[in-house]
C-alpha atoms as a PDB file:
ATOM      1  CA  UNK A   1      95.825  92.188 105.408  1.00  0.00           C
ATOM      2  CA  UNK A   2      99.375  92.438 106.715  1.00  0.00           C
ATOM      3  CA  UNK A   3     101.944  90.613 104.556  1.00  0.00           C
ATOM      4  CA  UNK A   4     105.581  89.760 105.293  1.00  0.00           C
ATOM      5  CA  UNK A   5     108.254  87.859 103.377  1.00  0.00           C
ATOM      6  CA  UNK A   6     110.782  85.302 104.585  1.00  0.00           C
ATOM      7  CA  UNK A   7     113.401  83.612 102.403  1.00  0.00           C
ATOM      8  CA  UNK A   8     113.628  79.828 102.719  1.00  0.00           C
ATOM      9  CA  UNK A   9     116.357  78.094 100.715  1.00  0.00           C
ATOM     10  CA  UNK A  10     116.224  80.787  98.053  1.00  0.00           C
ATOM     11  CA  UNK A  11     112.418  80.992  97.863  1.00  0.00           C
ATOM     12  CA  UNK A  12     110.569  84.124  98.967  1.00  0.00           C
ATOM     13  CA  UNK A  13     107.631  82.904 101.056  1.00  0.00           C
ATOM     14  CA  UNK A  14     104.744  85.212 101.925  1.00  0.00           C
ATOM     15  CA  UNK A  15     103.170  85.241 105.386  1.00  0.00           C
ATOM     16  CA  UNK A  16      99.874  87.049 105.994  1.00  0.00           C
ATOM     17  CA  UNK A  17      97.868  87.707 109.136  1.00  0.00           C
ATOM     18  CA  UNK A  18      94.304  86.439 108.967  1.00  0.00           C
ATOM     19  CA  UNK A  19      91.952  86.403 111.956  1.00  0.00           C
ATOM     20  CA  UNK A  20      95.015  87.331 114.073  1.00  0.00           C
ATOM     21  CA  UNK A  21      96.776  84.138 112.967  1.00  0.00           C
ATOM     22  CA  UNK A  22      99.787  83.610 110.675  1.00  0.00           C
ATOM     23  CA  UNK A  23      99.119  81.963 107.315  1.00  0.00           C
ATOM     24  CA  UNK A  24     101.981  80.868 105.055  1.00  0.00           C
ATOM     25  CA  UNK A  25     101.822  80.664 101.258  1.00  0.00           C
ATOM     26  CA  UNK A  26     102.012  77.034 100.131  1.00  0.00           C
ATOM     27  CA  UNK A  27     102.239  78.317  96.563  1.00  0.00           C
ATOM     28  CA  UNK A  28     105.465  80.146  97.415  1.00  0.00           C
ATOM     29  CA  UNK A  29     106.818  77.143  99.280  1.00  0.00           C
ATOM     30  CA  UNK A  30     106.741  74.931  96.161  1.00  0.00           C
ATOM     31  CA  UNK A  31     108.235  77.439  93.702  1.00  0.00           C
ATOM     32  CA  UNK A  32     111.676  75.797  93.720  1.00  0.00           C
ATOM     33  CA  UNK A  33     110.355  72.217  93.738  1.00  0.00           C
ATOM     34  CA  UNK A  34     109.724  70.160  90.606  1.00  0.00           C
ATOM     35  CA  UNK A  35     105.995  70.019  89.983  1.00  0.00           C
ATOM     36  CA  UNK A  36     105.221  73.485  91.344  1.00  0.00           C
ATOM     37  CA  UNK A  37     101.634  74.121  92.410  1.00  0.00           C
ATOM     38  CA  UNK A  38     100.584  70.614  91.392  1.00  0.00           C
ATOM     39  CA  UNK A  39     102.397  69.391  94.506  1.00  0.00           C
ATOM     40  CA  UNK A  40      99.752  71.060  96.689  1.00  0.00           C
ATOM     41  CA  UNK A  41      96.968  69.002  95.097  1.00  0.00           C
ATOM     42  CA  UNK A  42      99.077  65.855  95.315  1.00  0.00           C
ATOM     43  CA  UNK A  43      99.517  66.476  99.033  1.00  0.00           C
ATOM     44  CA  UNK A  44      95.827  67.198  99.547  1.00  0.00           C
ATOM     45  CA  UNK A  45      94.707  63.928  97.946  1.00  0.00           C
ATOM     46  CA  UNK A  46      96.850  61.968 100.415  1.00  0.00           C
ATOM     47  CA  UNK A  47      94.655  60.242 103.011  1.00  0.00           C
ATOM     48  CA  UNK A  48      97.042  61.087 105.859  1.00  0.00           C
ATOM     49  CA  UNK A  49      96.798  64.754 104.853  1.00  0.00           C
ATOM     50  CA  UNK A  50      92.993  64.631 104.932  1.00  0.00           C
ATOM     51  CA  UNK A  51      93.085  63.060 108.389  1.00  0.00           C
ATOM     52  CA  UNK A  52      95.519  65.708 109.633  1.00  0.00           C
ATOM     53  CA  UNK A  53      93.441  68.560 108.223  1.00  0.00           C
ATOM     54  CA  UNK A  54      90.288  67.098 109.740  1.00  0.00           C
ATOM     55  CA  UNK A  55      91.810  66.816 113.218  1.00  0.00           C
ATOM     56  CA  UNK A  56      93.222  70.357 113.005  1.00  0.00           C
ATOM     57  CA  UNK A  57      89.826  71.789 112.051  1.00  0.00           C
ATOM     58  CA  UNK A  58      88.036  69.859 114.804  1.00  0.00           C
ATOM     59  CA  UNK A  59      90.464  71.335 117.339  1.00  0.00           C
ATOM     60  CA  UNK A  60      90.432  74.907 116.016  1.00  0.00           C
ATOM     61  CA  UNK A  61      87.203  75.500 114.107  1.00  0.00           C
ATOM     62  CA  UNK A  62      83.833  75.323 115.919  1.00  0.00           C
ATOM     63  CA  UNK A  63      82.052  75.734 112.579  1.00  0.00           C
ATOM     64  CA  UNK A  64      83.736  72.767 110.925  1.00  0.00           C
ATOM     65  CA  UNK A  65      81.309  70.485 109.049  1.00  0.00           C
ATOM     66  CA  UNK A  66      82.275  67.072 110.460  1.00  0.00           C
ATOM     67  CA  UNK A  67      79.668  65.038 108.458  1.00  0.00           C
ATOM     68  CA  UNK A  68      81.059  66.441 105.195  1.00  0.00           C
ATOM     69  CA  UNK A  69      84.565  65.662 106.419  1.00  0.00           C
ATOM     70  CA  UNK A  70      83.604  62.046 107.052  1.00  0.00           C
ATOM     71  CA  UNK A  71      82.474  61.739 103.454  1.00  0.00           C
ATOM     72  CA  UNK A  72      85.752  63.161 102.150  1.00  0.00           C
ATOM     73  CA  UNK A  73      87.777  60.949 104.482  1.00  0.00           C
ATOM     74  CA  UNK A  74      86.013  57.849 103.178  1.00  0.00           C
ATOM     75  CA  UNK A  75      86.872  58.830  99.616  1.00  0.00           C
ATOM     76  CA  UNK A  76      90.510  59.729 100.337  1.00  0.00           C
ATOM     77  CA  UNK A  77      93.078  57.272  99.078  1.00  0.00           C
ATOM     78  CA  UNK A  78      91.140  56.135  96.024  1.00  0.00           C
ATOM     79  CA  UNK A  79      92.715  56.615  92.592  1.00  0.00           C
ATOM     80  CA  UNK A  80      89.812  58.822  91.501  1.00  0.00           C
ATOM     81  CA  UNK A  81      89.952  60.996  94.607  1.00  0.00           C
ATOM     82  CA  UNK A  82      90.700  64.683  94.036  1.00  0.00           C
ATOM     83  CA  UNK A  83      90.811  67.497  96.562  1.00  0.00           C
ATOM     84  CA  UNK A  84      91.689  71.151  96.091  1.00  0.00           C
ATOM     85  CA  UNK A  85      91.886  73.832  98.763  1.00  0.00           C
ATOM     86  CA  UNK A  86      88.706  75.458  97.405  1.00  0.00           C
ATOM     87  CA  UNK A  87      86.791  72.167  97.366  1.00  0.00           C
ATOM     88  CA  UNK A  88      87.902  71.415 100.935  1.00  0.00           C
ATOM     89  CA  UNK A  89      86.889  74.872 102.192  1.00  0.00           C
ATOM     90  CA  UNK A  90      83.535  74.919 100.371  1.00  0.00           C
ATOM     91  CA  UNK A  91      82.572  71.440 101.564  1.00  0.00           C
ATOM     92  CA  UNK A  92      83.609  71.643 105.219  1.00  0.00           C
ATOM     93  CA  UNK A  93      83.813  75.341 106.135  1.00  0.00           C
ATOM     94  CA  UNK A  94      87.508  74.858 106.896  1.00  0.00           C
ATOM     95  CA  UNK A  95      89.567  77.832 108.102  1.00  0.00           C
ATOM     96  CA  UNK A  96      93.042  76.268 108.107  1.00  0.00           C
ATOM     97  CA  UNK A  97      93.408  76.741 104.346  1.00  0.00           C
ATOM     98  CA  UNK A  98      92.292  79.565 102.122  1.00  0.00           C
ATOM     99  CA  UNK A  99      92.788  80.563  98.501  1.00  0.00           C
ATOM    100  CA  UNK A 100      93.748  84.162  97.764  1.00  0.00           C
ATOM    101  CA  UNK A 101      93.068  85.683  94.345  1.00  0.00           C
ATOM    102  CA  UNK A 102      95.020  88.392  92.594  1.00  0.00           C
ATOM    103  CA  UNK A 103      98.588  89.060  91.562  1.00  0.00           C
ATOM    104  CA  UNK A 104      99.978  87.810  94.862  1.00  0.00           C
ATOM    105  CA  UNK A 105      97.374  85.092  95.232  1.00  0.00           C
ATOM    106  CA  UNK A 106      97.731  81.397  95.858  1.00  0.00           C
ATOM    107  CA  UNK A 107      96.963  78.806  98.486  1.00  0.00           C
ATOM    108  CA  UNK A 108      97.702  79.799 102.081  1.00  0.00           C
ATOM    109  CA  UNK A 109      97.683  77.614 105.173  1.00  0.00           C
ATOM    110  CA  UNK A 110      97.768  78.207 108.913  1.00  0.00           C
ATOM    111  CA  UNK A 111     101.347  77.850 110.108  1.00  0.00           C
ATOM    112  CA  UNK A 112     100.587  74.469 111.760  1.00  0.00           C
ATOM    113  CA  UNK A 113      99.397  73.108 108.436  1.00  0.00           C
ATOM    114  CA  UNK A 114     102.168  74.825 106.446  1.00  0.00           C
ATOM    115  CA  UNK A 115     104.816  73.161 108.630  1.00  0.00           C
ATOM    116  CA  UNK A 116     103.147  69.791 107.998  1.00  0.00           C
ATOM    117  CA  UNK A 117     103.210  70.475 104.266  1.00  0.00           C
ATOM    118  CA  UNK A 118     106.883  71.423 104.592  1.00  0.00           C
ATOM    119  CA  UNK A 119     107.614  68.007 106.102  1.00  0.00           C
ATOM    120  CA  UNK A 120     105.959  66.353 103.113  1.00  0.00           C
ATOM    121  CA  UNK A 121     108.005  68.460 100.691  1.00  0.00           C
ATOM    122  CA  UNK A 122     111.341  67.993 102.440  1.00  0.00           C
ATOM    123  CA  UNK A 123     112.383  67.631 106.093  1.00  0.00           C
ATOM    124  CA  UNK A 124     115.315  69.952 105.382  1.00  0.00           C
ATOM    125  CA  UNK A 125     113.001  72.594 103.877  1.00  0.00           C
ATOM    126  CA  UNK A 126     110.715  72.361 106.907  1.00  0.00           C
ATOM    127  CA  UNK A 127     113.601  73.023 109.300  1.00  0.00           C
ATOM    128  CA  UNK A 128     114.695  76.112 107.360  1.00  0.00           C
ATOM    129  CA  UNK A 129     111.070  77.269 107.163  1.00  0.00           C
ATOM    130  CA  UNK A 130     110.639  77.002 110.938  1.00  0.00           C
ATOM    131  CA  UNK A 131     113.979  78.735 111.532  1.00  0.00           C
ATOM    132  CA  UNK A 132     113.128  81.699 109.280  1.00  0.00           C
ATOM    133  CA  UNK A 133     109.592  81.927 110.632  1.00  0.00           C
ATOM    134  CA  UNK A 134     110.879  82.041 114.207  1.00  0.00           C
ATOM    135  CA  UNK A 135     113.441  84.680 113.253  1.00  0.00           C
ATOM    136  CA  UNK A 136     110.606  86.806 111.863  1.00  0.00           C
ATOM    137  CA  UNK A 137     108.506  86.387 115.015  1.00  0.00           C
ATOM    138  CA  UNK A 138     111.501  87.291 117.212  1.00  0.00           C
ATOM    139  CA  UNK A 139     112.044  90.473 115.179  1.00  0.00           C
ATOM    140  CA  UNK A 140     108.365  91.385 115.449  1.00  0.00           C
ATOM    141  CA  UNK A 141     108.365  90.776 119.203  1.00  0.00           C
ATOM    142  CA  UNK A 142     111.469  92.942 119.589  1.00  0.00           C
ATOM    143  CA  UNK A 143     109.899  95.741 117.527  1.00  0.00           C
ATOM    144  CA  UNK A 144     106.672  95.588 119.518  1.00  0.00           C
ATOM    145  CA  UNK A 145     108.641  95.810 122.759  1.00  0.00           C
ATOM    146  CA  UNK A 146     110.556  98.806 121.392  1.00  0.00           C
ATOM    147  CA  UNK A 147     107.308 100.525 120.362  1.00  0.00           C
ATOM    148  CA  UNK A 148     105.811  99.900 123.807  1.00  0.00           C
ATOM    149  CA  UNK A 149     108.924 101.324 125.493  1.00  0.00           C
ATOM    150  CA  UNK A 150     108.826 104.380 123.241  1.00  0.00           C
ATOM    151  CA  UNK A 151     105.181 105.053 124.034  1.00  0.00           C
ATOM    152  CA  UNK A 152     105.806 104.515 127.745  1.00  0.00           C
ATOM    153  CA  UNK A 153     108.637 107.071 127.577  1.00  0.00           C
ATOM    154  CA  UNK A 154     106.400 109.470 125.655  1.00  0.00           C
ATOM    155  CA  UNK A 155     103.732 109.102 128.328  1.00  0.00           C
ATOM    156  CA  UNK A 156     106.305 109.997 130.996  1.00  0.00           C
ATOM    157  CA  UNK A 157     107.405 113.102 129.065  1.00  0.00           C
ATOM    158  CA  UNK A 158     103.817 114.260 128.680  1.00  0.00           C
ATOM    159  CA  UNK A 159     103.230 113.514 132.363  1.00  0.00           C
ATOM    160  CA  UNK A 160     105.909 116.127 133.175  1.00  0.00           C
ATOM    161  CA  UNK A 161     104.067 118.682 131.031  1.00  0.00           C
ATOM    162  CA  UNK A 162     100.846 117.665 132.766  1.00  0.00           C
ATOM    163  CA  UNK A 163     102.195 118.040 136.319  1.00  0.00           C
ATOM    164  CA  UNK A 164     103.840 121.386 135.468  1.00  0.00           C
ATOM    165  CA  UNK A 165     100.425 122.706 134.410  1.00  0.00           C
ATOM    166  CA  UNK A 166      98.897 121.423 137.654  1.00  0.00           C
ATOM    167  CA  UNK A 167     101.625 123.103 139.693  1.00  0.00           C
ATOM    168  CA  UNK A 168     101.239 126.401 137.877  1.00  0.00           C
ATOM    169  CA  UNK A 169      97.437 126.690 137.822  1.00  0.00           C
ATOM    170  CA  UNK A 170      95.897 124.349 140.396  1.00  0.00           C
ATOM    171  CA  UNK A 171      98.223 124.195 143.391  1.00  0.00           C
ATOM    172  CA  UNK A 172      97.821 127.218 145.679  1.00  0.00           C
ATOM    173  CA  UNK A 173     100.957 128.563 147.404  1.00  0.00           C
ATOM    174  CA  UNK A 174     102.109 127.364 150.825  1.00  0.00           C
ATOM    175  CA  UNK A 175     100.608 123.875 150.566  1.00  0.00           C
ATOM    176  CA  UNK A 176     102.497 120.987 152.126  1.00  0.00           C
ATOM    177  CA  UNK A 177     103.964 118.219 149.971  1.00  0.00           C
ATOM    178  CA  UNK A 178     101.246 115.879 151.229  1.00  0.00           C
ATOM    179  CA  UNK A 179      98.567 118.340 150.137  1.00  0.00           C
ATOM    180  CA  UNK A 180     100.046 118.848 146.690  1.00  0.00           C
ATOM    181  CA  UNK A 181     100.384 115.090 146.354  1.00  0.00           C
ATOM    182  CA  UNK A 182      96.645 114.774 146.820  1.00  0.00           C
ATOM    183  CA  UNK A 183      96.071 117.194 143.946  1.00  0.00           C
ATOM    184  CA  UNK A 184      98.540 115.396 141.700  1.00  0.00           C
ATOM    185  CA  UNK A 185      96.881 112.064 142.464  1.00  0.00           C
ATOM    186  CA  UNK A 186      93.479 113.610 141.862  1.00  0.00           C
ATOM    187  CA  UNK A 187      94.491 114.829 138.389  1.00  0.00           C
ATOM    188  CA  UNK A 188      96.127 111.494 137.560  1.00  0.00           C
ATOM    189  CA  UNK A 189      92.877 109.762 138.468  1.00  0.00           C
ATOM    190  CA  UNK A 190      90.979 112.226 136.300  1.00  0.00           C
ATOM    191  CA  UNK A 191      92.866 110.762 133.335  1.00  0.00           C
ATOM    192  CA  UNK A 192      92.410 107.214 134.668  1.00  0.00           C
ATOM    193  CA  UNK A 193      88.640 107.664 134.813  1.00  0.00           C
ATOM    194  CA  UNK A 194      88.537 109.290 131.370  1.00  0.00           C
ATOM    195  CA  UNK A 195      90.467 106.437 129.753  1.00  0.00           C
ATOM    196  CA  UNK A 196      90.000 103.345 131.927  1.00  0.00           C
ATOM    197  CA  UNK A 197      86.674 104.162 133.593  1.00  0.00           C
ATOM    198  CA  UNK A 198      87.922 103.893 137.174  1.00  0.00           C
ATOM    199  CA  UNK A 199      90.407 105.383 139.607  1.00  0.00           C
ATOM    200  CA  UNK A 200      93.728 103.796 140.573  1.00  0.00           C
ATOM    201  CA  UNK A 201      92.281 102.766 143.946  1.00  0.00           C
ATOM    202  CA  UNK A 202      89.234 101.215 142.314  1.00  0.00           C
ATOM    203  CA  UNK A 203      91.481  99.296 139.917  1.00  0.00           C
ATOM    204  CA  UNK A 204      93.643  97.972 142.752  1.00  0.00           C
ATOM    205  CA  UNK A 205      90.545  96.858 144.627  1.00  0.00           C
ATOM    206  CA  UNK A 206      89.271  95.031 141.541  1.00  0.00           C
ATOM    207  CA  UNK A 207      92.695  93.491 140.764  1.00  0.00           C
ATOM    208  CA  UNK A 208      94.282  92.559 144.117  1.00  0.00           C
ATOM    209  CA  UNK A 209      96.525  89.861 142.605  1.00  0.00           C
ATOM    210  CA  UNK A 210      98.027  92.029 139.860  1.00  0.00           C
ATOM    211  CA  UNK A 211     101.532  93.435 140.196  1.00  0.00           C
ATOM    212  CA  UNK A 212     102.189  97.016 139.169  1.00  0.00           C
ATOM    213  CA  UNK A 213      99.416  99.480 138.420  1.00  0.00           C
ATOM    214  CA  UNK A 214      96.813  99.988 135.734  1.00  0.00           C
ATOM    215  CA  UNK A 215      99.193 102.034 133.596  1.00  0.00           C
ATOM    216  CA  UNK A 216     101.974  99.435 133.815  1.00  0.00           C
ATOM    217  CA  UNK A 217      99.555  96.871 132.385  1.00  0.00           C
ATOM    218  CA  UNK A 218      98.072  99.200 129.760  1.00  0.00           C
ATOM    219  CA  UNK A 219      98.125  98.207 126.105  1.00  0.00           C
ATOM    220  CA  UNK A 220     100.182 100.084 123.542  1.00  0.00           C
ATOM    221  CA  UNK A 221      96.999 101.715 122.228  1.00  0.00           C
ATOM    222  CA  UNK A 222      95.969 102.861 125.703  1.00  0.00           C
ATOM    223  CA  UNK A 223      99.409 104.358 126.311  1.00  0.00           C
ATOM    224  CA  UNK A 224      99.188 106.303 123.054  1.00  0.00           C
ATOM    225  CA  UNK A 225      95.828 107.766 124.081  1.00  0.00           C
ATOM    226  CA  UNK A 226      97.030 108.390 127.645  1.00  0.00           C
ATOM    227  CA  UNK A 227      99.984 110.435 126.431  1.00  0.00           C
ATOM    228  CA  UNK A 228      97.604 112.483 124.298  1.00  0.00           C
ATOM    229  CA  UNK A 229      95.209 113.023 127.204  1.00  0.00           C
ATOM    230  CA  UNK A 230      97.988 114.324 129.440  1.00  0.00           C
ATOM    231  CA  UNK A 231      98.900 117.012 126.892  1.00  0.00           C
ATOM    232  CA  UNK A 232      95.268 117.916 126.276  1.00  0.00           C
ATOM    233  CA  UNK A 233      94.492 118.106 129.992  1.00  0.00           C
ATOM    234  CA  UNK A 234      97.403 120.474 130.476  1.00  0.00           C
ATOM    235  CA  UNK A 235      95.836 122.793 127.868  1.00  0.00           C
ATOM    236  CA  UNK A 236      92.407 122.519 129.507  1.00  0.00           C
ATOM    237  CA  UNK A 237      93.926 123.355 132.903  1.00  0.00           C
ATOM    238  CA  UNK A 238      95.522 126.498 131.446  1.00  0.00           C
ATOM    239  CA  UNK A 239      92.104 127.421 130.066  1.00  0.00           C
ATOM    240  CA  UNK A 240      90.758 127.368 133.630  1.00  0.00           C
ATOM    241  CA  UNK A 241      88.203 124.580 133.115  1.00  0.00           C
ATOM    242  CA  UNK A 242      86.993 122.747 136.220  1.00  0.00           C
ATOM    243  CA  UNK A 243      87.387 118.998 136.758  1.00  0.00           C
ATOM    244  CA  UNK A 244      83.829 117.936 135.787  1.00  0.00           C
ATOM    245  CA  UNK A 245      84.095 119.794 132.476  1.00  0.00           C
ATOM    246  CA  UNK A 246      87.575 118.449 131.761  1.00  0.00           C
ATOM    247  CA  UNK A 247      86.551 114.882 132.627  1.00  0.00           C
ATOM    248  CA  UNK A 248      83.673 114.993 130.179  1.00  0.00           C
ATOM    249  CA  UNK A 249      85.854 116.387 127.400  1.00  0.00           C
ATOM    250  CA  UNK A 250      88.744 114.000 128.069  1.00  0.00           C
ATOM    251  CA  UNK A 251      86.443 110.975 128.120  1.00  0.00           C
ATOM    252  CA  UNK A 252      84.935 112.013 124.768  1.00  0.00           C
ATOM    253  CA  UNK A 253      88.432 112.417 123.309  1.00  0.00           C
ATOM    254  CA  UNK A 254      89.564 109.055 124.744  1.00  0.00           C
ATOM    255  CA  UNK A 255      86.603 107.252 123.196  1.00  0.00           C
ATOM    256  CA  UNK A 256      87.157 108.940 119.824  1.00  0.00           C
ATOM    257  CA  UNK A 257      90.857 108.061 119.739  1.00  0.00           C
ATOM    258  CA  UNK A 258      90.350 104.478 120.903  1.00  0.00           C
ATOM    259  CA  UNK A 259      87.694 104.018 118.202  1.00  0.00           C
ATOM    260  CA  UNK A 260      90.447 104.673 115.683  1.00  0.00           C
ATOM    261  CA  UNK A 261      92.630 101.951 117.225  1.00  0.00           C
ATOM    262  CA  UNK A 262      90.341  99.230 118.510  1.00  0.00           C
ATOM    263  CA  UNK A 263      87.311  97.239 117.399  1.00  0.00           C
ATOM    264  CA  UNK A 264      83.902  98.443 118.507  1.00  0.00           C
ATOM    265  CA  UNK A 265      83.533  95.595 121.011  1.00  0.00           C
ATOM    266  CA  UNK A 266      86.529  96.866 122.949  1.00  0.00           C
ATOM    267  CA  UNK A 267      85.542 100.507 122.657  1.00  0.00           C
ATOM    268  CA  UNK A 268      82.399  99.767 124.649  1.00  0.00           C
ATOM    269  CA  UNK A 269      84.624  99.194 127.674  1.00  0.00           C
ATOM    270  CA  UNK A 270      85.735 102.832 127.511  1.00  0.00           C
ATOM    271  CA  UNK A 271      82.268 104.426 127.410  1.00  0.00           C
ATOM    272  CA  UNK A 272      81.354 106.246 130.619  1.00  0.00           C
ATOM    273  CA  UNK A 273      77.675 107.020 131.081  1.00  0.00           C
ATOM    274  CA  UNK A 274      76.559 110.454 132.291  1.00  0.00           C
ATOM    275  CA  UNK A 275      75.676 108.954 135.651  1.00  0.00           C
ATOM    276  CA  UNK A 276      79.086 107.356 136.000  1.00  0.00           C
ATOM    277  CA  UNK A 277      80.843 110.561 135.009  1.00  0.00           C
ATOM    278  CA  UNK A 278      79.068 112.448 137.762  1.00  0.00           C
ATOM    279  CA  UNK A 279      80.021 109.832 140.344  1.00  0.00           C
ATOM    280  CA  UNK A 280      83.620 109.678 139.060  1.00  0.00           C
ATOM    281  CA  UNK A 281      84.090 113.424 139.459  1.00  0.00           C
ATOM    282  CA  UNK A 282      83.204 113.099 143.113  1.00  0.00           C
ATOM    283  CA  UNK A 283      85.686 110.250 143.463  1.00  0.00           C
ATOM    284  CA  UNK A 284      88.556 112.256 142.003  1.00  0.00           C
END
């Protein structure tokens, strides 16, 4: 579980990624406030808090137990009412809060809920929390863009190695530029079929409203694999392997590498059946 730290008015606040969402440590947020962790339970027993949590779960959690929530809502506000994060989660199946055990444990909340808690603690604290959180997200976005640009550049460098191998081993002498262009395009589509499962022309036909090409819209993971395939294909070309053999090997390599980067549900999109491989070789 990825963890990052931001500093808000002198307090180091942990942020973790859970189910691809950002969760902020409420326990860290109260460290410099009188009352400490007890403030979290005080906030949870507030009827307005219960109503807010219930609405958030109804909007974001299909598995939320609404009947159990109604019972808790009816009890909220009474002097004897008590609610902890664990009790709330166990009773309703809530996902907006969760309790983490261990040395760096505590109560975490989805950022929407954490900002609401920040308002209850102090409007000033909430503003600094939002500011530092946004600074973190801006830095992460900038880093991701830099990584994507680096991989795109790497793919272009490997493409040069790839085309040099094609020129040396596959392009006969005295061909026209138009003829060599056909061979280059054919080898580029060999990689497209191995990784994406279709040629550039097939992709354009299936995506008429998209700008750019399939590689421009590729994910960072796909670009990493693509750069690897270009280098590997150059080696296979030097070994004198024909296109059908190289396509089969490159597709197997693409699937293996994507399995290391993506969940199995996405990997299924990369699998090319034997029948499709045979048809794709004819296309390229």
